[in-house]
Each structure stands twice: as structure tokens, then as C-alpha cells.
Amino acid sequence: SRDNAKNTMYLQMNGLKPEDTAAYYCAS
């Protein structure tokens, strides 16, 4: 999701699994 008023993007992660382990990068 994104909130343009706050200039911020979000990534809500549910049901996390061990295979989700990583460095997460945002990009424009």
C-alpha cells in the first residue's frame, strides 16, 4: 500500500515463512 500524504510505501507481510528470510529493498 502507499500513503502519498506521507510519501511512504508499506509492505504488510502476514503468515511469514522461513523462506521469506531476506534483505528487503524498496525501489522507485
mmCIF file of all heavy atoms, coordinates in Angstrom:
data_MODEL
# 
_entry.id   MODEL 
# 
loop_
_atom_site.group_PDB 
_atom_site.id 
_atom_site.type_symbol 
_atom_site.label_atom_id 
_atom_site.label_alt_id 
_atom_site.label_comp_id 
_atom_site.label_asym_id 
_atom_site.label_entity_id 
_atom_site.label_seq_id 
_atom_site.pdbx_PDB_ins_code 
_atom_site.Cartn_x 
_atom_site.Cartn_y 
_atom_site.Cartn_z 
_atom_site.occupancy 
_atom_site.B_iso_or_equiv 
_atom_site.pdbx_formal_charge 
_atom_site.auth_seq_id 
_atom_site.auth_comp_id 
_atom_site.auth_asym_id 
_atom_site.auth_atom_id 
_atom_site.pdbx_PDB_model_num 
ATOM 1   N N   . SER A 1 1  ? 0.853  -1.182  0.000  1.00 0.00 ? 1  SER A N   1 
ATOM 2   C CA  . SER A 1 1  ? 0.000  0.000   0.000  1.00 0.00 ? 1  SER A CA  1 
ATOM 3   C C   . SER A 1 1  ? 0.892  1.237   0.000  1.00 0.00 ? 1  SER A C   1 
ATOM 4   O O   . SER A 1 1  ? 2.105  1.130   0.178  1.00 0.00 ? 1  SER A O   1 
ATOM 5   C CB  . SER A 1 1  ? -0.928 0.009   1.212  1.00 0.00 ? 1  SER A CB  1 
ATOM 6   O OG  . SER A 1 1  ? -0.184 0.023   2.419  1.00 0.00 ? 1  SER A OG  1 
ATOM 7   N N   . ARG A 1 2  ? 0.261  2.382   -0.224 1.00 0.00 ? 2  ARG A N   1 
ATOM 8   C CA  . ARG A 1 2  ? 1.021  3.620   -0.216 1.00 0.00 ? 2  ARG A CA  1 
ATOM 9   C C   . ARG A 1 2  ? 0.193  4.727   0.394  1.00 0.00 ? 2  ARG A C   1 
ATOM 10  O O   . ARG A 1 2  ? -1.042 4.743   0.267  1.00 0.00 ? 2  ARG A O   1 
ATOM 11  C CB  . ARG A 1 2  ? 1.470  4.004   -1.628 1.00 0.00 ? 2  ARG A CB  1 
ATOM 12  C CG  . ARG A 1 2  ? 0.363  4.298   -2.612 1.00 0.00 ? 2  ARG A CG  1 
ATOM 13  C CD  . ARG A 1 2  ? 0.921  4.470   -4.041 1.00 0.00 ? 2  ARG A CD  1 
ATOM 14  N NE  . ARG A 1 2  ? 1.885  5.572   -4.108 1.00 0.00 ? 2  ARG A NE  1 
ATOM 15  C CZ  . ARG A 1 2  ? 2.815  5.675   -5.059 1.00 0.00 ? 2  ARG A CZ  1 
ATOM 16  N NH1 . ARG A 1 2  ? 2.937  4.758   -5.996 1.00 0.00 ? 2  ARG A NH1 1 
ATOM 17  N NH2 . ARG A 1 2  ? 3.633  6.715   -5.065 1.00 0.00 ? 2  ARG A NH2 1 
ATOM 18  N N   . ASP A 1 3  ? 0.885  5.666   1.042  1.00 0.00 ? 3  ASP A N   1 
ATOM 19  C CA  . ASP A 1 3  ? 0.262  6.849   1.616  1.00 0.00 ? 3  ASP A CA  1 
ATOM 20  C C   . ASP A 1 3  ? 0.998  8.039   1.016  1.00 0.00 ? 3  ASP A C   1 
ATOM 21  O O   . ASP A 1 3  ? 2.102  8.391   1.465  1.00 0.00 ? 3  ASP A O   1 
ATOM 22  C CB  . ASP A 1 3  ? 0.363  6.821   3.132  1.00 0.00 ? 3  ASP A CB  1 
ATOM 23  C CG  . ASP A 1 3  ? -0.366 7.982   3.783  1.00 0.00 ? 3  ASP A CG  1 
ATOM 24  O OD1 . ASP A 1 3  ? -0.574 9.020   3.131  1.00 0.00 ? 3  ASP A OD1 1 
ATOM 25  O OD2 . ASP A 1 3  ? -0.722 7.859   4.970  1.00 0.00 ? 3  ASP A OD2 1 
ATOM 26  N N   . ASN A 1 4  ? 0.405  8.644   0.001  1.00 0.00 ? 4  ASN A N   1 
ATOM 27  C CA  . ASN A 1 4  ? 1.092  9.737   -0.695 1.00 0.00 ? 4  ASN A CA  1 
ATOM 28  C C   . ASN A 1 4  ? 1.261  10.975  0.189  1.00 0.00 ? 4  ASN A C   1 
ATOM 29  O O   . ASN A 1 4  ? 2.207  11.742  0.009  1.00 0.00 ? 4  ASN A O   1 
ATOM 30  C CB  . ASN A 1 4  ? 0.334  10.100  -1.961 1.00 0.00 ? 4  ASN A CB  1 
ATOM 31  C CG  . ASN A 1 4  ? 0.392  8.994   -3.001 1.00 0.00 ? 4  ASN A CG  1 
ATOM 32  O OD1 . ASN A 1 4  ? 1.338  8.206   -3.049 1.00 0.00 ? 4  ASN A OD1 1 
ATOM 33  N ND2 . ASN A 1 4  ? -0.646 8.911   -3.838 1.00 0.00 ? 4  ASN A ND2 1 
ATOM 34  N N   . ALA A 1 5  ? 0.369  11.155  1.133  1.00 0.00 ? 5  ALA A N   1 
ATOM 35  C CA  . ALA A 1 5  ? 0.496  12.297  2.035  1.00 0.00 ? 5  ALA A CA  1 
ATOM 36  C C   . ALA A 1 5  ? 1.739  12.168  2.916  1.00 0.00 ? 5  ALA A C   1 
ATOM 37  O O   . ALA A 1 5  ? 2.302  13.177  3.355  1.00 0.00 ? 5  ALA A O   1 
ATOM 38  C CB  . ALA A 1 5  ? -0.749 12.427  2.902  1.00 0.00 ? 5  ALA A CB  1 
ATOM 39  N N   . LYS A 1 6  ? 2.152  10.931  3.160  1.00 0.00 ? 6  LYS A N   1 
ATOM 40  C CA  . LYS A 1 6  ? 3.331  10.682  3.998  1.00 0.00 ? 6  LYS A CA  1 
ATOM 41  C C   . LYS A 1 6  ? 4.551  10.268  3.171  1.00 0.00 ? 6  LYS A C   1 
ATOM 42  O O   . LYS A 1 6  ? 5.593  9.944   3.731  1.00 0.00 ? 6  LYS A O   1 
ATOM 43  C CB  . LYS A 1 6  ? 3.024  9.593   5.025  1.00 0.00 ? 6  LYS A CB  1 
ATOM 44  C CG  . LYS A 1 6  ? 1.946  9.984   6.026  1.00 0.00 ? 6  LYS A CG  1 
ATOM 45  C CD  . LYS A 1 6  ? 1.728  8.873   7.045  1.00 0.00 ? 6  LYS A CD  1 
ATOM 46  C CE  . LYS A 1 6  ? 0.689  9.294   8.075  1.00 0.00 ? 6  LYS A CE  1 
ATOM 47  N NZ  . LYS A 1 6  ? 0.440  8.218   9.082  1.00 0.00 ? 6  LYS A NZ  1 
ATOM 48  N N   . ASN A 1 7  ? 4.396  10.253  1.846  1.00 0.00 ? 7  ASN A N   1 
ATOM 49  C CA  . ASN A 1 7  ? 5.498  9.837   0.969  1.00 0.00 ? 7  ASN A CA  1 
ATOM 50  C C   . ASN A 1 7  ? 6.061  8.484   1.381  1.00 0.00 ? 7  ASN A C   1 
ATOM 51  O O   . ASN A 1 7  ? 7.287  8.285   1.404  1.00 0.00 ? 7  ASN A O   1 
ATOM 52  C CB  . ASN A 1 7  ? 6.616  10.882  0.966  1.00 0.00 ? 7  ASN A CB  1 
ATOM 53  C CG  . ASN A 1 7  ? 6.206  12.184  0.307  1.00 0.00 ? 7  ASN A CG  1 
ATOM 54  O OD1 . ASN A 1 7  ? 5.243  12.232  -0.453 1.00 0.00 ? 7  ASN A OD1 1 
ATOM 55  N ND2 . ASN A 1 7  ? 6.916  13.247  0.618  1.00 0.00 ? 7  ASN A ND2 1 
ATOM 56  N N   . THR A 1 8  ? 5.179  7.572   1.691  1.00 0.00 ? 8  THR A N   1 
ATOM 57  C CA  . THR A 1 8  ? 5.606  6.292   2.244  1.00 0.00 ? 8  THR A CA  1 
ATOM 58  C C   . THR A 1 8  ? 4.856  5.137   1.590  1.00 0.00 ? 8  THR A C   1 
ATOM 59  O O   . THR A 1 8  ? 3.650  5.217   1.344  1.00 0.00 ? 8  THR A O   1 
ATOM 60  C CB  . THR A 1 8  ? 5.392  6.259   3.763  1.00 0.00 ? 8  THR A CB  1 
ATOM 61  O OG1 . THR A 1 8  ? 6.136  7.322   4.367  1.00 0.00 ? 8  THR A OG1 1 
ATOM 62  C CG2 . THR A 1 8  ? 5.868  4.942   4.359  1.00 0.00 ? 8  THR A CG2 1 
ATOM 63  N N   . MET A 1 9  ? 5.597  4.078   1.345  1.00 0.00 ? 9  MET A N   1 
ATOM 64  C CA  . MET A 1 9  ? 5.025  2.819   0.858  1.00 0.00 ? 9  MET A CA  1 
ATOM 65  C C   . MET A 1 9  ? 5.181  1.780   1.959  1.00 0.00 ? 9  MET A C   1 
ATOM 66  O O   . MET A 1 9  ? 6.145  1.831   2.738  1.00 0.00 ? 9  MET A O   1 
ATOM 67  C CB  . MET A 1 9  ? 5.767  2.356   -0.405 1.00 0.00 ? 9  MET A CB  1 
ATOM 68  C CG  . MET A 1 9  ? 5.358  0.979   -0.901 1.00 0.00 ? 9  MET A CG  1 
ATOM 69  S SD  . MET A 1 9  ? 6.255  0.442   -2.370 1.00 0.00 ? 9  MET A SD  1 
ATOM 70  C CE  . MET A 1 9  ? 7.924  0.322   -1.772 1.00 0.00 ? 9  MET A CE  1 
ATOM 71  N N   . TYR A 1 10 ? 4.248  0.838   1.986  1.00 0.00 ? 10 TYR A N   1 
ATOM 72  C CA  . TYR A 1 10 ? 4.277  -0.193  3.022  1.00 0.00 ? 10 TYR A CA  1 
ATOM 73  C C   . TYR A 1 10 ? 4.225  -1.580  2.398  1.00 0.00 ? 10 TYR A C   1 
ATOM 74  O O   . TYR A 1 10 ? 3.698  -1.772  1.306  1.00 0.00 ? 10 TYR A O   1 
ATOM 75  C CB  . TYR A 1 10 ? 3.078  -0.036  3.965  1.00 0.00 ? 10 TYR A CB  1 
ATOM 76  C CG  . TYR A 1 10 ? 2.991  1.319   4.620  1.00 0.00 ? 10 TYR A CG  1 
ATOM 77  C CD1 . TYR A 1 10 ? 2.164  2.308   4.092  1.00 0.00 ? 10 TYR A CD1 1 
ATOM 78  C CD2 . TYR A 1 10 ? 3.735  1.615   5.753  1.00 0.00 ? 10 TYR A CD2 1 
ATOM 79  C CE1 . TYR A 1 10 ? 2.080  3.557   4.676  1.00 0.00 ? 10 TYR A CE1 1 
ATOM 80  C CE2 . TYR A 1 10 ? 3.656  2.868   6.348  1.00 0.00 ? 10 TYR A CE2 1 
ATOM 81  C CZ  . TYR A 1 10 ? 2.836  3.836   5.807  1.00 0.00 ? 10 TYR A CZ  1 
ATOM 82  O OH  . TYR A 1 10 ? 2.759  5.080   6.393  1.00 0.00 ? 10 TYR A OH  1 
ATOM 83  N N   . LEU A 1 11 ? 4.764  -2.532  3.140  1.00 0.00 ? 11 LEU A N   1 
ATOM 84  C CA  . LEU A 1 11 ? 4.641  -3.933  2.781  1.00 0.00 ? 11 LEU A CA  1 
ATOM 85  C C   . LEU A 1 11 ? 4.183  -4.680  4.025  1.00 0.00 ? 11 LEU A C   1 
ATOM 86  O O   . LEU A 1 11 ? 4.961  -4.880  4.953  1.00 0.00 ? 11 LEU A O   1 
ATOM 87  C CB  . LEU A 1 11 ? 5.960  -4.514  2.276  1.00 0.00 ? 11 LEU A CB  1 
ATOM 88  C CG  . LEU A 1 11 ? 5.914  -6.003  1.888  1.00 0.00 ? 11 LEU A CG  1 
ATOM 89  C CD1 . LEU A 1 11 ? 5.003  -6.210  0.679  1.00 0.00 ? 11 LEU A CD1 1 
ATOM 90  C CD2 . LEU A 1 11 ? 7.322  -6.522  1.578  1.00 0.00 ? 11 LEU A CD2 1 
ATOM 91  N N   . GLN A 1 12 ? 2.906  -5.027  4.054  1.00 0.00 ? 12 GLN A N   1 
ATOM 92  C CA  . GLN A 1 12 ? 2.364  -5.808  5.158  1.00 0.00 ? 12 GLN A CA  1 
ATOM 93  C C   . GLN A 1 12 ? 2.569  -7.277  4.844  1.00 0.00 ? 12 GLN A C   1 
ATOM 94  O O   . GLN A 1 12 ? 2.079  -7.770  3.820  1.00 0.00 ? 12 GLN A O   1 
ATOM 95  C CB  . GLN A 1 12 ? 0.878  -5.507  5.345  1.00 0.00 ? 12 GLN A CB  1 
ATOM 96  C CG  . GLN A 1 12 ? 0.224  -6.324  6.446  1.00 0.00 ? 12 GLN A CG  1 
ATOM 97  C CD  . GLN A 1 12 ? 0.759  -5.980  7.826  1.00 0.00 ? 12 GLN A CD  1 
ATOM 98  O OE1 . GLN A 1 12 ? 0.899  -4.814  8.176  1.00 0.00 ? 12 GLN A OE1 1 
ATOM 99  N NE2 . GLN A 1 12 ? 1.065  -7.012  8.624  1.00 0.00 ? 12 GLN A NE2 1 
ATOM 100 N N   . MET A 1 13 ? 3.303  -7.943  5.711  1.00 0.00 ? 13 MET A N   1 
ATOM 101 C CA  . MET A 1 13 ? 3.626  -9.348  5.499  1.00 0.00 ? 13 MET A CA  1 
ATOM 102 C C   . MET A 1 13 ? 2.957  -10.180 6.587  1.00 0.00 ? 13 MET A C   1 
ATOM 103 O O   . MET A 1 13 ? 3.222  -9.973  7.773  1.00 0.00 ? 13 MET A O   1 
ATOM 104 C CB  . MET A 1 13 ? 5.146  -9.550  5.529  1.00 0.00 ? 13 MET A CB  1 
ATOM 105 C CG  . MET A 1 13 ? 5.887  -8.696  4.513  1.00 0.00 ? 13 MET A CG  1 
ATOM 106 S SD  . MET A 1 13 ? 7.662  -9.003  4.465  1.00 0.00 ? 13 MET A SD  1 
ATOM 107 C CE  . MET A 1 13 ? 8.136  -8.345  6.063  1.00 0.00 ? 13 MET A CE  1 
ATOM 108 N N   . ASN A 1 14 ? 2.097  -11.072 6.189  1.00 0.00 ? 14 ASN A N   1 
ATOM 109 C CA  . ASN A 1 14 ? 1.419  -11.978 7.110  1.00 0.00 ? 14 ASN A CA  1 
ATOM 110 C C   . ASN A 1 14 ? 1.782  -13.420 6.793  1.00 0.00 ? 14 ASN A C   1 
ATOM 111 O O   . ASN A 1 14 ? 2.234  -13.715 5.685  1.00 0.00 ? 14 ASN A O   1 
ATOM 112 C CB  . ASN A 1 14 ? -0.097 -11.791 7.003  1.00 0.00 ? 14 ASN A CB  1 
ATOM 113 C CG  . ASN A 1 14 ? -0.542 -10.411 7.431  1.00 0.00 ? 14 ASN A CG  1 
ATOM 114 O OD1 . ASN A 1 14 ? 0.038  -9.785  8.331  1.00 0.00 ? 14 ASN A OD1 1 
ATOM 115 N ND2 . ASN A 1 14 ? -1.578 -9.899  6.777  1.00 0.00 ? 14 ASN A ND2 1 
ATOM 116 N N   . GLY A 1 15 ? 1.601  -14.286 7.753  1.00 0.00 ? 15 GLY A N   1 
ATOM 117 C CA  . GLY A 1 15 ? 1.898  -15.697 7.513  1.00 0.00 ? 15 GLY A CA  1 
ATOM 118 C C   . GLY A 1 15 ? 3.315  -15.929 7.066  1.00 0.00 ? 15 GLY A C   1 
ATOM 119 O O   . GLY A 1 15 ? 3.573  -16.725 6.152  1.00 0.00 ? 15 GLY A O   1 
ATOM 120 N N   . LEU A 1 16 ? 4.256  -15.270 7.720  1.00 0.00 ? 16 LEU A N   1 
ATOM 121 C CA  . LEU A 1 16 ? 5.643  -15.363 7.284  1.00 0.00 ? 16 LEU A CA  1 
ATOM 122 C C   . LEU A 1 16 ? 6.196  -16.772 7.414  1.00 0.00 ? 16 LEU A C   1 
ATOM 123 O O   . LEU A 1 16 ? 5.840  -17.516 8.343  1.00 0.00 ? 16 LEU A O   1 
ATOM 124 C CB  . LEU A 1 16 ? 6.508  -14.379 8.074  1.00 0.00 ? 16 LEU A CB  1 
ATOM 125 C CG  . LEU A 1 16 ? 6.390  -12.924 7.583  1.00 0.00 ? 16 LEU A CG  1 
ATOM 126 C CD1 . LEU A 1 16 ? 6.888  -11.955 8.638  1.00 0.00 ? 16 LEU A CD1 1 
ATOM 127 C CD2 . LEU A 1 16 ? 7.161  -12.744 6.285  1.00 0.00 ? 16 LEU A CD2 1 
ATOM 128 N N   . LYS A 1 17 ? 7.049  -17.103 6.471  1.00 0.00 ? 17 LYS A N   1 
ATOM 129 C CA  . LYS A 1 17 ? 7.670  -18.422 6.405  1.00 0.00 ? 17 LYS A CA  1 
ATOM 130 C C   . LYS A 1 17 ? 9.184  -18.258 6.487  1.00 0.00 ? 17 LYS A C   1 
ATOM 131 O O   . LYS A 1 17 ? 9.710  -17.207 6.099  1.00 0.00 ? 17 LYS A O   1 
ATOM 132 C CB  . LYS A 1 17 ? 7.302  -19.107 5.095  1.00 0.00 ? 17 LYS A CB  1 
ATOM 133 C CG  . LYS A 1 17 ? 5.807  -19.245 4.845  1.00 0.00 ? 17 LYS A CG  1 
ATOM 134 C CD  . LYS A 1 17 ? 5.533  -19.830 3.477  1.00 0.00 ? 17 LYS A CD  1 
ATOM 135 C CE  . LYS A 1 17 ? 4.038  -19.951 3.202  1.00 0.00 ? 17 LYS A CE  1 
ATOM 136 N NZ  . LYS A 1 17 ? 3.775  -20.521 1.855  1.00 0.00 ? 17 LYS A NZ  1 
ATOM 137 N N   . PRO A 1 18 ? 9.906  -19.275 6.920  1.00 0.00 ? 18 PRO A N   1 
ATOM 138 C CA  . PRO A 1 18 ? 11.373 -19.183 6.954  1.00 0.00 ? 18 PRO A CA  1 
ATOM 139 C C   . PRO A 1 18 ? 11.965 -18.819 5.594  1.00 0.00 ? 18 PRO A C   1 
ATOM 140 O O   . PRO A 1 18 ? 12.981 -18.117 5.536  1.00 0.00 ? 18 PRO A O   1 
ATOM 141 C CB  . PRO A 1 18 ? 11.794 -20.586 7.400  1.00 0.00 ? 18 PRO A CB  1 
ATOM 142 C CG  . PRO A 1 18 ? 10.660 -21.063 8.243  1.00 0.00 ? 18 PRO A CG  1 
ATOM 143 C CD  . PRO A 1 18 ? 9.428  -20.515 7.567  1.00 0.00 ? 18 PRO A CD  1 
ATOM 144 N N   . GLU A 1 19 ? 11.336 -19.254 4.522  1.00 0.00 ? 19 GLU A N   1 
ATOM 145 C CA  . GLU A 1 19 ? 11.842 -18.931 3.186  1.00 0.00 ? 19 GLU A CA  1 
ATOM 146 C C   . GLU A 1 19 ? 11.641 -17.472 2.792  1.00 0.00 ? 19 GLU A C   1 
ATOM 147 O O   . GLU A 1 19 ? 12.131 -17.032 1.748  1.00 0.00 ? 19 GLU A O   1 
ATOM 148 C CB  . GLU A 1 19 ? 11.222 -19.843 2.120  1.00 0.00 ? 19 GLU A CB  1 
ATOM 149 C CG  . GLU A 1 19 ? 9.716  -19.920 2.164  1.00 0.00 ? 19 GLU A CG  1 
ATOM 150 C CD  . GLU A 1 19 ? 9.215  -21.139 2.923  1.00 0.00 ? 19 GLU A CD  1 
ATOM 151 O OE1 . GLU A 1 19 ? 9.763  -21.435 4.009  1.00 0.00 ? 19 GLU A OE1 1 
ATOM 152 O OE2 . GLU A 1 19 ? 8.261  -21.776 2.437  1.00 0.00 ? 19 GLU A OE2 1 
ATOM 153 N N   . ASP A 1 20 ? 10.939 -16.712 3.618  1.00 0.00 ? 20 ASP A N   1 
ATOM 154 C CA  . ASP A 1 20 ? 10.815 -15.275 3.394  1.00 0.00 ? 20 ASP A CA  1 
ATOM 155 C C   . ASP A 1 20 ? 12.014 -14.505 3.959  1.00 0.00 ? 20 ASP A C   1 
ATOM 156 O O   . ASP A 1 20 ? 12.119 -13.290 3.755  1.00 0.00 ? 20 ASP A O   1 
ATOM 157 C CB  . ASP A 1 20 ? 9.537  -14.732 4.041  1.00 0.00 ? 20 ASP A CB  1 
ATOM 158 C CG  . ASP A 1 20 ? 8.277  -15.276 3.395  1.00 0.00 ? 20 ASP A CG  1 
ATOM 159 O OD1 . ASP A 1 20 ? 8.234  -15.366 2.155  1.00 0.00 ? 20 ASP A OD1 1 
ATOM 160 O OD2 . ASP A 1 20 ? 7.322  -15.593 4.152  1.00 0.00 ? 20 ASP A OD2 1 
ATOM 161 N N   . THR A 1 21 ? 12.892 -15.197 4.648  1.00 0.00 ? 21 THR A N   1 
ATOM 162 C CA  . THR A 1 21 ? 14.079 -14.559 5.206  1.00 0.00 ? 21 THR A CA  1 
ATOM 163 C C   . THR A 1 21 ? 14.942 -13.976 4.087  1.00 0.00 ? 21 THR A C   1 
ATOM 164 O O   . THR A 1 21 ? 15.322 -14.675 3.152  1.00 0.00 ? 21 THR A O   1 
ATOM 165 C CB  . THR A 1 21 ? 14.909 -15.571 6.013  1.00 0.00 ? 21 THR A CB  1 
ATOM 166 O OG1 . THR A 1 21 ? 14.147 -15.983 7.157  1.00 0.00 ? 21 THR A OG1 1 
ATOM 167 C CG2 . THR A 1 21 ? 16.220 -14.963 6.475  1.00 0.00 ? 21 THR A CG2 1 
ATOM 168 N N   . ALA A 1 22 ? 15.193 -12.676 4.187  1.00 0.00 ? 22 ALA A N   1 
ATOM 169 C CA  . ALA A 1 22 ? 15.942 -11.973 3.145  1.00 0.00 ? 22 ALA A CA  1 
ATOM 170 C C   . ALA A 1 22 ? 16.122 -10.523 3.544  1.00 0.00 ? 22 ALA A C   1 
ATOM 171 O O   . ALA A 1 22 ? 15.483 -10.041 4.484  1.00 0.00 ? 22 ALA A O   1 
ATOM 172 C CB  . ALA A 1 22 ? 15.205 -12.051 1.812  1.00 0.00 ? 22 ALA A CB  1 
ATOM 173 N N   . ALA A 1 23 ? 16.977 -9.854  2.802  1.00 0.00 ? 23 ALA A N   1 
ATOM 174 C CA  . ALA A 1 23 ? 17.036 -8.400  2.879  1.00 0.00 ? 23 ALA A CA  1 
ATOM 175 C C   . ALA A 1 23 ? 16.005 -7.862  1.902  1.00 0.00 ? 23 ALA A C   1 
ATOM 176 O O   . ALA A 1 23 ? 15.980 -8.282  0.744  1.00 0.00 ? 23 ALA A O   1 
ATOM 177 C CB  . ALA A 1 23 ? 18.426 -7.905  2.517  1.00 0.00 ? 23 ALA A CB  1 
ATOM 178 N N   . TYR A 1 24 ? 15.162 -6.962  2.375  1.00 0.00 ? 24 TYR A N   1 
ATOM 179 C CA  . TYR A 1 24 ? 14.086 -6.413  1.557  1.00 0.00 ? 24 TYR A CA  1 
ATOM 180 C C   . TYR A 1 24 ? 14.442 -4.994  1.125  1.00 0.00 ? 24 TYR A C   1 
ATOM 181 O O   . TYR A 1 24 ? 14.826 -4.160  1.960  1.00 0.00 ? 24 TYR A O   1 
ATOM 182 C CB  . TYR A 1 24 ? 12.775 -6.419  2.345  1.00 0.00 ? 24 TYR A CB  1 
ATOM 183 C CG  . TYR A 1 24 ? 12.152 -7.790  2.402  1.00 0.00 ? 24 TYR A CG  1 
ATOM 184 C CD1 . TYR A 1 24 ? 12.713 -8.793  3.186  1.00 0.00 ? 24 TYR A CD1 1 
ATOM 185 C CD2 . TYR A 1 24 ? 11.006 -8.102  1.668  1.00 0.00 ? 24 TYR A CD2 1 
ATOM 186 C CE1 . TYR A 1 24 ? 12.155 -10.063 3.233  1.00 0.00 ? 24 TYR A CE1 1 
ATOM 187 C CE2 . TYR A 1 24 ? 10.439 -9.363  1.705  1.00 0.00 ? 24 TYR A CE2 1 
ATOM 188 C CZ  . TYR A 1 24 ? 11.026 -10.347 2.493  1.00 0.00 ? 24 TYR A CZ  1 
ATOM 189 O OH  . TYR A 1 24 ? 10.471 -11.611 2.536  1.00 0.00 ? 24 TYR A OH  1 
ATOM 190 N N   . TYR A 1 25 ? 14.274 -4.751  -0.163 1.00 0.00 ? 25 TYR A N   1 
ATOM 191 C CA  . TYR A 1 25 ? 14.611 -3.463  -0.753 1.00 0.00 ? 25 TYR A CA  1 
ATOM 192 C C   . TYR A 1 25 ? 13.388 -2.818  -1.370 1.00 0.00 ? 25 TYR A C   1 
ATOM 193 O O   . TYR A 1 25 ? 12.621 -3.486  -2.071 1.00 0.00 ? 25 TYR A O   1 
ATOM 194 C CB  . TYR A 1 25 ? 15.657 -3.639  -1.840 1.00 0.00 ? 25 TYR A CB  1 
ATOM 195 C CG  . TYR A 1 25 ? 16.970 -4.208  -1.361 1.00 0.00 ? 25 TYR A CG  1 
ATOM 196 C CD1 . TYR A 1 25 ? 17.172 -5.583  -1.292 1.00 0.00 ? 25 TYR A CD1 1 
ATOM 197 C CD2 . TYR A 1 25 ? 18.019 -3.371  -0.977 1.00 0.00 ? 25 TYR A CD2 1 
ATOM 198 C CE1 . TYR A 1 25 ? 18.371 -6.113  -0.841 1.00 0.00 ? 25 TYR A CE1 1 
ATOM 199 C CE2 . TYR A 1 25 ? 19.217 -3.886  -0.527 1.00 0.00 ? 25 TYR A CE2 1 
ATOM 200 C CZ  . TYR A 1 25 ? 19.380 -5.258  -0.462 1.00 0.00 ? 25 TYR A CZ  1 
ATOM 201 O OH  . TYR A 1 25 ? 20.577 -5.780  -0.014 1.00 0.00 ? 25 TYR A OH  1 
ATOM 202 N N   . CYS A 1 26 ? 13.233 -1.528  -1.123 1.00 0.00 ? 26 CYS A N   1 
ATOM 203 C CA  . CYS A 1 26 ? 12.210 -0.789  -1.844 1.00 0.00 ? 26 CYS A CA  1 
ATOM 204 C C   . CYS A 1 26 ? 12.872 -0.029  -2.994 1.00 0.00 ? 26 CYS A C   1 
ATOM 205 O O   . CYS A 1 26 ? 14.069 0.273   -2.948 1.00 0.00 ? 26 CYS A O   1 
ATOM 206 C CB  . CYS A 1 26 ? 11.448 0.156   -0.927 1.00 0.00 ? 26 CYS A CB  1 
ATOM 207 S SG  . CYS A 1 26 ? 12.426 1.447   -0.123 1.00 0.00 ? 26 CYS A SG  1 
ATOM 208 N N   . ALA A 1 27 ? 12.072 0.239   -3.994 1.00 0.00 ? 27 ALA A N   1 
ATOM 209 C CA  . ALA A 1 27 ? 12.600 0.907   -5.173 1.00 0.00 ? 27 ALA A CA  1 
ATOM 210 C C   . ALA A 1 27 ? 11.520 1.759   -5.813 1.00 0.00 ? 27 ALA A C   1 
ATOM 211 O O   . ALA A 1 27 ? 10.319 1.472   -5.681 1.00 0.00 ? 27 ALA A O   1 
ATOM 212 C CB  . ALA A 1 27 ? 13.130 -0.124  -6.170 1.00 0.00 ? 27 ALA A CB  1 
ATOM 213 N N   . SER A 1 28 ? 11.955 2.775   -6.515 1.00 0.00 ? 28 SER A N   1 
ATOM 214 C CA  . SER A 1 28 ? 11.054 3.704   -7.191 1.00 0.00 ? 28 SER A CA  1 
ATOM 215 C C   . SER A 1 28 ? 11.207 3.542   -8.706 1.00 0.00 ? 28 SER A C   1 
ATOM 216 O O   . SER A 1 28 ? 12.324 3.477   -9.220 1.00 0.00 ? 28 SER A O   1 
ATOM 217 C CB  . SER A 1 28 ? 11.398 5.138   -6.786 1.00 0.00 ? 28 SER A CB  1 
ATOM 218 O OG  . SER A 1 28 ? 10.525 6.057   -7.387 1.00 0.00 ? 28 SER A OG  1 
# 
